[in-house]
Amino acid sequence: MADMAEDIKQMIIEELELEDITVADIDTNAPLFGEGLGLDSIDALELGLALQKRFGVKIDANSEQNKEHFRSVASLRDFVIAQQS
């Protein structure tokens, strides 16, 4: 599971073009939005599309659970694993 978290961190860096951030800089359990990594709603859309492409998951744009799924790298990892099961 640690490898998938690292893959998600790398995907975030690449897809959102975060030039000054490394995989090691991203805390697996830290918030992705607001005070954490500081992502915004546009970043969430790009990240959602990247997750769908890379991991083949389906994200319901109207789901109230999305906020929880996108809370941290750990929650994204858990979401992807659940979708792939």
PDB file of N, CA and C in Angstrom:
ATOM      1  N   MET A   1       0.819  -1.197   0.000  1.00  0.00           N
ATOM      2  CA  MET A   1       0.000   0.000   0.000  1.00  0.00           C
ATOM      3  C   MET A   1       0.860   1.257   0.000  1.00  0.00           C
ATOM      4  N   ALA A   2       2.045   1.169   0.573  1.00  0.00           N
ATOM      5  CA  ALA A   2       2.927   2.333   0.581  1.00  0.00           C
ATOM      6  C   ALA A   2       3.310   2.708  -0.840  1.00  0.00           C
ATOM      7  N   ASP A   3       3.503   1.692  -1.699  1.00  0.00           N
ATOM      8  CA  ASP A   3       3.868   1.972  -3.083  1.00  0.00           C
ATOM      9  C   ASP A   3       2.768   2.745  -3.800  1.00  0.00           C
ATOM     10  N   MET A   4       1.496   2.398  -3.548  1.00  0.00           N
ATOM     11  CA  MET A   4       0.411   3.111  -4.197  1.00  0.00           C
ATOM     12  C   MET A   4       0.352   4.556  -3.710  1.00  0.00           C
ATOM     13  N   ALA A   5       0.609   4.777  -2.429  1.00  0.00           N
ATOM     14  CA  ALA A   5       0.638   6.147  -1.905  1.00  0.00           C
ATOM     15  C   ALA A   5       1.738   6.941  -2.601  1.00  0.00           C
ATOM     16  N   GLU A   6       2.890   6.306  -2.793  1.00  0.00           N
ATOM     17  CA  GLU A   6       3.989   6.981  -3.493  1.00  0.00           C
ATOM     18  C   GLU A   6       3.608   7.271  -4.945  1.00  0.00           C
ATOM     19  N   ASP A   7       2.922   6.330  -5.593  1.00  0.00           N
ATOM     20  CA  ASP A   7       2.462   6.536  -6.975  1.00  0.00           C
ATOM     21  C   ASP A   7       1.490   7.709  -7.049  1.00  0.00           C
ATOM     22  N   ILE A   8       0.587   7.796  -6.075  1.00  0.00           N
ATOM     23  CA  ILE A   8      -0.382   8.890  -6.057  1.00  0.00           C
ATOM     24  C   ILE A   8       0.321  10.220  -5.826  1.00  0.00           C
ATOM     25  N   LYS A   9       1.287  10.244  -4.928  1.00  0.00           N
ATOM     26  CA  LYS A   9       2.059  11.473  -4.697  1.00  0.00           C
ATOM     27  C   LYS A   9       2.764  11.908  -5.976  1.00  0.00           C
ATOM     28  N   GLN A  10       3.404  10.969  -6.658  1.00  0.00           N
ATOM     29  CA  GLN A  10       4.103  11.287  -7.902  1.00  0.00           C
ATOM     30  C   GLN A  10       3.123  11.791  -8.951  1.00  0.00           C
ATOM     31  N   MET A  11       1.942  11.174  -9.029  1.00  0.00           N
ATOM     32  CA  MET A  11       0.923  11.594  -9.980  1.00  0.00           C
ATOM     33  C   MET A  11       0.469  13.020  -9.673  1.00  0.00           C
ATOM     34  N   ILE A  12       0.285  13.339  -8.393  1.00  0.00           N
ATOM     35  CA  ILE A  12      -0.116  14.698  -8.008  1.00  0.00           C
ATOM     36  C   ILE A  12       0.931  15.704  -8.475  1.00  0.00           C
ATOM     37  N   ILE A  13       2.182  15.402  -8.229  1.00  0.00           N
ATOM     38  CA  ILE A  13       3.271  16.307  -8.617  1.00  0.00           C
ATOM     39  C   ILE A  13       3.299  16.501 -10.133  1.00  0.00           C
ATOM     40  N   GLU A  14       3.200  15.404 -10.877  1.00  0.00           N
ATOM     41  CA  GLU A  14       3.273  15.481 -12.338  1.00  0.00           C
ATOM     42  C   GLU A  14       2.056  16.157 -12.939  1.00  0.00           C
ATOM     43  N   GLU A  15       0.869  15.724 -12.537  1.00  0.00           N
ATOM     44  CA  GLU A  15      -0.362  16.235 -13.141  1.00  0.00           C
ATOM     45  C   GLU A  15      -0.615  17.695 -12.815  1.00  0.00           C
ATOM     46  N   LEU A  16      -0.263  18.107 -11.610  1.00  0.00           N
ATOM     47  CA  LEU A  16      -0.514  19.486 -11.197  1.00  0.00           C
ATOM     48  C   LEU A  16       0.719  20.374 -11.381  1.00  0.00           C
ATOM     49  N   GLU A  17       1.780  19.782 -11.936  1.00  0.00           N
ATOM     50  CA  GLU A  17       3.017  20.502 -12.244  1.00  0.00           C
ATOM     51  C   GLU A  17       3.543  21.264 -11.026  1.00  0.00           C
ATOM     52  N   LEU A  18       3.657  20.553  -9.920  1.00  0.00           N
ATOM     53  CA  LEU A  18       4.177  21.131  -8.680  1.00  0.00           C
ATOM     54  C   LEU A  18       5.701  21.024  -8.706  1.00  0.00           C
ATOM     55  N   GLU A  19       6.342  22.023  -9.253  1.00  0.00           N
ATOM     56  CA  GLU A  19       7.773  21.973  -9.549  1.00  0.00           C
ATOM     57  C   GLU A  19       8.666  21.947  -8.318  1.00  0.00           C
ATOM     58  N   ASP A  20       8.268  22.606  -7.246  1.00  0.00           N
ATOM     59  CA  ASP A  20       9.143  22.713  -6.077  1.00  0.00           C
ATOM     60  C   ASP A  20       8.831  21.693  -4.996  1.00  0.00           C
ATOM     61  N   ILE A  21       8.047  20.657  -5.333  1.00  0.00           N
ATOM     62  CA  ILE A  21       7.634  19.665  -4.341  1.00  0.00           C
ATOM     63  C   ILE A  21       8.110  18.281  -4.785  1.00  0.00           C
ATOM     64  N   THR A  22       8.618  17.515  -3.821  1.00  0.00           N
ATOM     65  CA  THR A  22       9.024  16.138  -4.086  1.00  0.00           C
ATOM     66  C   THR A  22       8.048  15.194  -3.392  1.00  0.00           C
ATOM     67  N   VAL A  23       8.127  13.920  -3.747  1.00  0.00           N
ATOM     68  CA  VAL A  23       7.289  12.903  -3.113  1.00  0.00           C
ATOM     69  C   VAL A  23       7.498  12.935  -1.601  1.00  0.00           C
ATOM     70  N   ALA A  24       8.726  13.109  -1.161  1.00  0.00           N
ATOM     71  CA  ALA A  24       9.039  13.133   0.272  1.00  0.00           C
ATOM     72  C   ALA A  24       8.411  14.328   0.985  1.00  0.00           C
ATOM     73  N   ASP A  25       8.128  15.391   0.250  1.00  0.00           N
ATOM     74  CA  ASP A  25       7.532  16.590   0.847  1.00  0.00           C
ATOM     75  C   ASP A  25       6.049  16.415   1.167  1.00  0.00           C
ATOM     76  N   ILE A  26       5.409  15.436   0.559  1.00  0.00           N
ATOM     77  CA  ILE A  26       3.970  15.253   0.733  1.00  0.00           C
ATOM     78  C   ILE A  26       3.727  14.220   1.836  1.00  0.00           C
ATOM     79  N   ASP A  27       3.090  14.660   2.905  1.00  0.00           N
ATOM     80  CA  ASP A  27       2.717  13.773   4.019  1.00  0.00           C
ATOM     81  C   ASP A  27       1.495  12.977   3.594  1.00  0.00           C
ATOM     82  N   THR A  28       1.576  11.679   3.695  1.00  0.00           N
ATOM     83  CA  THR A  28       0.498  10.789   3.266  1.00  0.00           C
ATOM     84  C   THR A  28      -0.823  11.107   3.961  1.00  0.00           C
ATOM     85  N   ASN A  29      -0.768  11.562   5.195  1.00  0.00           N
ATOM     86  CA  ASN A  29      -1.981  11.810   5.970  1.00  0.00           C
ATOM     87  C   ASN A  29      -2.377  13.283   6.061  1.00  0.00           C
ATOM     88  N   ALA A  30      -1.578  14.172   5.495  1.00  0.00           N
ATOM     89  CA  ALA A  30      -1.886  15.601   5.554  1.00  0.00           C
ATOM     90  C   ALA A  30      -2.997  15.959   4.564  1.00  0.00           C
ATOM     91  N   PRO A  31      -3.768  16.984   4.886  1.00  0.00           N
ATOM     92  CA  PRO A  31      -4.817  17.428   3.955  1.00  0.00           C
ATOM     93  C   PRO A  31      -4.221  17.864   2.617  1.00  0.00           C
ATOM     94  N   LEU A  32      -4.930  17.559   1.543  1.00  0.00           N
ATOM     95  CA  LEU A  32      -4.485  17.998   0.214  1.00  0.00           C
ATOM     96  C   LEU A  32      -4.941  19.426  -0.074  1.00  0.00           C
ATOM     97  N   PHE A  33      -6.036  19.836   0.557  1.00  0.00           N
ATOM     98  CA  PHE A  33      -6.618  21.145   0.292  1.00  0.00           C
ATOM     99  C   PHE A  33      -6.482  22.044   1.512  1.00  0.00           C
ATOM    100  N   GLY A  34      -6.566  23.334   1.287  1.00  0.00           N
ATOM    101  CA  GLY A  34      -6.480  24.281   2.400  1.00  0.00           C
ATOM    102  C   GLY A  34      -5.083  24.346   2.966  1.00  0.00           C
ATOM    103  N   GLU A  35      -4.980  24.145   4.271  1.00  0.00           N
ATOM    104  CA  GLU A  35      -3.703  24.306   4.969  1.00  0.00           C
ATOM    105  C   GLU A  35      -2.669  23.239   4.625  1.00  0.00           C
ATOM    106  N   GLY A  36      -3.090  22.108   4.117  1.00  0.00           N
ATOM    107  CA  GLY A  36      -2.150  21.044   3.779  1.00  0.00           C
ATOM    108  C   GLY A  36      -1.324  21.398   2.557  1.00  0.00           C
ATOM    109  N   LEU A  37      -1.535  20.669   1.487  1.00  0.00           N
ATOM    110  CA  LEU A  37      -0.788  20.889   0.248  1.00  0.00           C
ATOM    111  C   LEU A  37      -1.249  22.163  -0.462  1.00  0.00           C
ATOM    112  N   GLY A  38      -2.440  22.633  -0.109  1.00  0.00           N
ATOM    113  CA  GLY A  38      -2.921  23.903  -0.658  1.00  0.00           C
ATOM    114  C   GLY A  38      -3.575  23.799  -2.025  1.00  0.00           C
ATOM    115  N   LEU A  39      -4.087  22.633  -2.367  1.00  0.00           N
ATOM    116  CA  LEU A  39      -4.741  22.476  -3.660  1.00  0.00           C
ATOM    117  C   LEU A  39      -6.096  23.173  -3.646  1.00  0.00           C
ATOM    118  N   ASP A  40      -6.636  23.454  -4.853  1.00  0.00           N
ATOM    119  CA  ASP A  40      -7.935  24.105  -4.961  1.00  0.00           C
ATOM    120  C   ASP A  40      -8.887  23.256  -5.797  1.00  0.00           C
ATOM    121  N   SER A  41     -10.068  23.782  -6.093  1.00  0.00           N
ATOM    122  CA  SER A  41     -11.098  22.999  -6.797  1.00  0.00           C
ATOM    123  C   SER A  41     -10.672  22.627  -8.218  1.00  0.00           C
ATOM    124  N   ILE A  42      -9.938  23.475  -8.894  1.00  0.00           N
ATOM    125  CA  ILE A  42      -9.436  23.149 -10.239  1.00  0.00           C
ATOM    126  C   ILE A  42      -8.451  21.984 -10.144  1.00  0.00           C
ATOM    127  N   ASP A  43      -7.600  22.018  -9.132  1.00  0.00           N
ATOM    128  CA  ASP A  43      -6.666  20.913  -8.903  1.00  0.00           C
ATOM    129  C   ASP A  43      -7.425  19.616  -8.654  1.00  0.00           C
ATOM    130  N   ALA A  44      -8.538  19.705  -7.930  1.00  0.00           N
ATOM    131  CA  ALA A  44      -9.342  18.508  -7.638  1.00  0.00           C
ATOM    132  C   ALA A  44      -9.879  17.896  -8.922  1.00  0.00           C
ATOM    133  N   LEU A  45     -10.331  18.727  -9.846  1.00  0.00           N
ATOM    134  CA  LEU A  45     -10.826  18.224 -11.134  1.00  0.00           C
ATOM    135  C   LEU A  45      -9.717  17.524 -11.911  1.00  0.00           C
ATOM    136  N   GLU A  46      -8.561  18.167 -11.987  1.00  0.00           N
ATOM    137  CA  GLU A  46      -7.426  17.573 -12.700  1.00  0.00           C
ATOM    138  C   GLU A  46      -6.984  16.270 -12.045  1.00  0.00           C
ATOM    139  N   LEU A  47      -6.977  16.270 -10.718  1.00  0.00           N
ATOM    140  CA  LEU A  47      -6.574  15.085  -9.979  1.00  0.00           C
ATOM    141  C   LEU A  47      -7.572  13.951 -10.191  1.00  0.00           C
ATOM    142  N   GLY A  48      -8.849  14.276 -10.206  1.00  0.00           N
ATOM    143  CA  GLY A  48      -9.880  13.271 -10.452  1.00  0.00           C
ATOM    144  C   GLY A  48      -9.729  12.623 -11.809  1.00  0.00           C
ATOM    145  N   LEU A  49      -9.478  13.436 -12.829  1.00  0.00           N
ATOM    146  CA  LEU A  49      -9.279  12.904 -14.181  1.00  0.00           C
ATOM    147  C   LEU A  49      -8.033  12.029 -14.242  1.00  0.00           C
ATOM    148  N   ALA A  50      -6.971  12.459 -13.582  1.00  0.00           N
ATOM    149  CA  ALA A  50      -5.728  11.681 -13.572  1.00  0.00           C
ATOM    150  C   ALA A  50      -5.930  10.337 -12.872  1.00  0.00           C
ATOM    151  N   LEU A  51      -6.677  10.332 -11.766  1.00  0.00           N
ATOM    152  CA  LEU A  51      -6.960   9.077 -11.057  1.00  0.00           C
ATOM    153  C   LEU A  51      -7.754   8.119 -11.939  1.00  0.00           C
ATOM    154  N   GLN A  52      -8.722   8.664 -12.659  1.00  0.00           N
ATOM    155  CA  GLN A  52      -9.528   7.826 -13.545  1.00  0.00           C
ATOM    156  C   GLN A  52      -8.667   7.209 -14.646  1.00  0.00           C
ATOM    157  N   LYS A  53      -7.788   8.026 -15.223  1.00  0.00           N
ATOM    158  CA  LYS A  53      -6.912   7.541 -16.292  1.00  0.00           C
ATOM    159  C   LYS A  53      -5.906   6.513 -15.785  1.00  0.00           C
ATOM    160  N   ARG A  54      -5.215   6.847 -14.717  1.00  0.00           N
ATOM    161  CA  ARG A  54      -4.111   6.017 -14.254  1.00  0.00           C
ATOM    162  C   ARG A  54      -4.574   4.741 -13.554  1.00  0.00           C
ATOM    163  N   PHE A  55      -5.628   4.828 -12.746  1.00  0.00           N
ATOM    164  CA  PHE A  55      -6.033   3.685 -11.938  1.00  0.00           C
ATOM    165  C   PHE A  55      -7.358   3.069 -12.368  1.00  0.00           C
ATOM    166  N   GLY A  56      -8.020   3.668 -13.349  1.00  0.00           N
ATOM    167  CA  GLY A  56      -9.265   3.108 -13.853  1.00  0.00           C
ATOM    168  C   GLY A  56     -10.424   3.176 -12.875  1.00  0.00           C
ATOM    169  N   VAL A  57     -10.386   4.135 -11.955  1.00  0.00           N
ATOM    170  CA  VAL A  57     -11.472   4.275 -10.985  1.00  0.00           C
ATOM    171  C   VAL A  57     -12.571   5.163 -11.561  1.00  0.00           C
ATOM    172  N   LYS A  58     -13.769   5.018 -11.010  1.00  0.00           N
ATOM    173  CA  LYS A  58     -14.894   5.863 -11.415  1.00  0.00           C
ATOM    174  C   LYS A  58     -15.197   6.812 -10.273  1.00  0.00           C
ATOM    175  N   ILE A  59     -15.270   8.092 -10.621  1.00  0.00           N
ATOM    176  CA  ILE A  59     -15.570   9.113  -9.627  1.00  0.00           C
ATOM    177  C   ILE A  59     -16.885   9.773 -10.012  1.00  0.00           C
ATOM    178  N   ASP A  60     -17.849   9.692  -9.117  1.00  0.00           N
ATOM    179  CA  ASP A  60     -19.148  10.319  -9.331  1.00  0.00           C
ATOM    180  C   ASP A  60     -19.035  11.785  -8.933  1.00  0.00           C
ATOM    181  N   ALA A  61     -19.157  12.678  -9.900  1.00  0.00           N
ATOM    182  CA  ALA A  61     -18.993  14.111  -9.646  1.00  0.00           C
ATOM    183  C   ALA A  61     -19.994  14.635  -8.628  1.00  0.00           C
ATOM    184  N   ASN A  62     -21.127  13.971  -8.486  1.00  0.00           N
ATOM    185  CA  ASN A  62     -22.164  14.441  -7.572  1.00  0.00           C
ATOM    186  C   ASN A  62     -22.121  13.773  -6.202  1.00  0.00           C
ATOM    187  N   SER A  63     -21.144  12.906  -5.986  1.00  0.00           N
ATOM    188  CA  SER A  63     -21.065  12.176  -4.725  1.00  0.00           C
ATOM    189  C   SER A  63     -20.608  13.084  -3.587  1.00  0.00           C
ATOM    190  N   GLU A  64     -21.327  13.018  -2.493  1.00  0.00           N
ATOM    191  CA  GLU A  64     -20.939  13.788  -1.315  1.00  0.00           C
ATOM    192  C   GLU A  64     -19.717  13.182  -0.635  1.00  0.00           C
ATOM    193  N   GLN A  65     -19.351  11.971  -0.998  1.00  0.00           N
ATOM    194  CA  GLN A  65     -18.181  11.306  -0.418  1.00  0.00           C
ATOM    195  C   GLN A  65     -16.870  11.788  -1.029  1.00  0.00           C
ATOM    196  N   ASN A  66     -16.932  12.499  -2.142  1.00  0.00           N
ATOM    197  CA  ASN A  66     -15.705  12.940  -2.809  1.00  0.00           C
ATOM    198  C   ASN A  66     -14.815  13.765  -1.889  1.00  0.00           C
ATOM    199  N   LYS A  67     -15.421  14.618  -1.075  1.00  0.00           N
ATOM    200  CA  LYS A  67     -14.623  15.441  -0.171  1.00  0.00           C
ATOM    201  C   LYS A  67     -13.787  14.562   0.757  1.00  0.00           C
ATOM    202  N   GLU A  68     -14.383  13.480   1.219  1.00  0.00           N
ATOM    203  CA  GLU A  68     -13.660  12.554   2.090  1.00  0.00           C
ATOM    204  C   GLU A  68     -12.596  11.771   1.309  1.00  0.00           C
ATOM    205  N   HIS A  69     -12.918  11.339   0.098  1.00  0.00           N
ATOM    206  CA  HIS A  69     -11.957  10.598  -0.724  1.00  0.00           C
ATOM    207  C   HIS A  69     -10.727  11.443  -1.044  1.00  0.00           C
ATOM    208  N   PHE A  70     -10.926  12.738  -1.257  1.00  0.00           N
ATOM    209  CA  PHE A  70      -9.837  13.626  -1.656  1.00  0.00           C
ATOM    210  C   PHE A  70      -9.198  14.347  -0.468  1.00  0.00           C
ATOM    211  N   ARG A  71      -9.474  13.891   0.741  1.00  0.00           N
ATOM    212  CA  ARG A  71      -8.950  14.532   1.941  1.00  0.00           C
ATOM    213  C   ARG A  71      -7.430  14.480   2.015  1.00  0.00           C
ATOM    214  N   SER A  72      -6.840  13.320   1.700  1.00  0.00           N
ATOM    215  CA  SER A  72      -5.393  13.121   1.823  1.00  0.00           C
ATOM    216  C   SER A  72      -4.944  12.060   0.823  1.00  0.00           C
ATOM    217  N   VAL A  73      -3.644  11.883   0.719  1.00  0.00           N
ATOM    218  CA  VAL A  73      -3.115  10.807  -0.122  1.00  0.00           C
ATOM    219  C   VAL A  73      -3.590   9.461   0.414  1.00  0.00           C
ATOM    220  N   ALA A  74      -3.618   9.312   1.726  1.00  0.00           N
ATOM    221  CA  ALA A  74      -4.057   8.046   2.330  1.00  0.00           C
ATOM    222  C   ALA A  74      -5.507   7.742   1.964  1.00  0.00           C
ATOM    223  N   SER A  75      -6.373   8.745   1.999  1.00  0.00           N
ATOM    224  CA  SER A  75      -7.781   8.506   1.662  1.00  0.00           C
ATOM    225  C   SER A  75      -7.943   8.232   0.169  1.00  0.00           C
ATOM    226  N   LEU A  76      -7.144   8.875  -0.665  1.00  0.00           N
ATOM    227  CA  LEU A  76      -7.172   8.573  -2.104  1.00  0.00           C
ATOM    228  C   LEU A  76      -6.716   7.141  -2.360  1.00  0.00           C
ATOM    229  N   ARG A  77      -5.655   6.736  -1.675  1.00  0.00           N
ATOM    230  CA  ARG A  77      -5.152   5.364  -1.808  1.00  0.00           C
ATOM    231  C   ARG A  77      -6.234   4.362  -1.425  1.00  0.00           C
ATOM    232  N   ASP A  78      -6.888   4.600  -0.293  1.00  0.00           N
ATOM    233  CA  ASP A  78      -7.943   3.694   0.169  1.00  0.00           C
ATOM    234  C   ASP A  78      -9.107   3.646  -0.818  1.00  0.00           C
ATOM    235  N   PHE A  79      -9.454   4.797  -1.390  1.00  0.00           N
ATOM    236  CA  PHE A  79     -10.524   4.877  -2.385  1.00  0.00           C
ATOM    237  C   PHE A  79     -10.176   4.064  -3.625  1.00  0.00           C
ATOM    238  N   VAL A  80      -8.951   4.233  -4.118  1.00  0.00           N
ATOM    239  CA  VAL A  80      -8.508   3.494  -5.312  1.00  0.00           C
ATOM    240  C   VAL A  80      -8.526   1.988  -5.046  1.00  0.00           C
ATOM    241  N   ILE A  81      -8.017   1.581  -3.899  1.00  0.00           N
ATOM    242  CA  ILE A  81      -7.987   0.151  -3.558  1.00  0.00           C
ATOM    243  C   ILE A  81      -9.400  -0.399  -3.492  1.00  0.00           C
ATOM    244  N   ALA A  82     -10.324   0.336  -2.884  1.00  0.00           N
ATOM    245  CA  ALA A  82     -11.719  -0.112  -2.786  1.00  0.00           C
ATOM    246  C   ALA A  82     -12.357  -0.225  -4.168  1.00  0.00           C
ATOM    247  N   GLN A  83     -12.044   0.716  -5.048  1.00  0.00           N
ATOM    248  CA  GLN A  83     -12.606   0.697  -6.404  1.00  0.00           C
ATOM    249  C   GLN A  83     -12.051  -0.469  -7.224  1.00  0.00           C
ATOM    250  N   GLN A  84     -10.802  -0.824  -6.989  1.00  0.00           N
ATOM    251  CA  GLN A  84     -10.180  -1.890  -7.761  1.00  0.00           C
ATOM    252  C   GLN A  84     -10.535  -3.276  -7.257  1.00  0.00           C
ATOM    253  N   SER A  85     -11.127  -3.369  -6.070  1.00  0.00           N
ATOM    254  CA  SER A  85     -11.491  -4.667  -5.488  1.00  0.00           C
ATOM    255  C   SER A  85     -12.747  -5.220  -6.103  1.00  0.00           C
TER     256      SER A  85
END
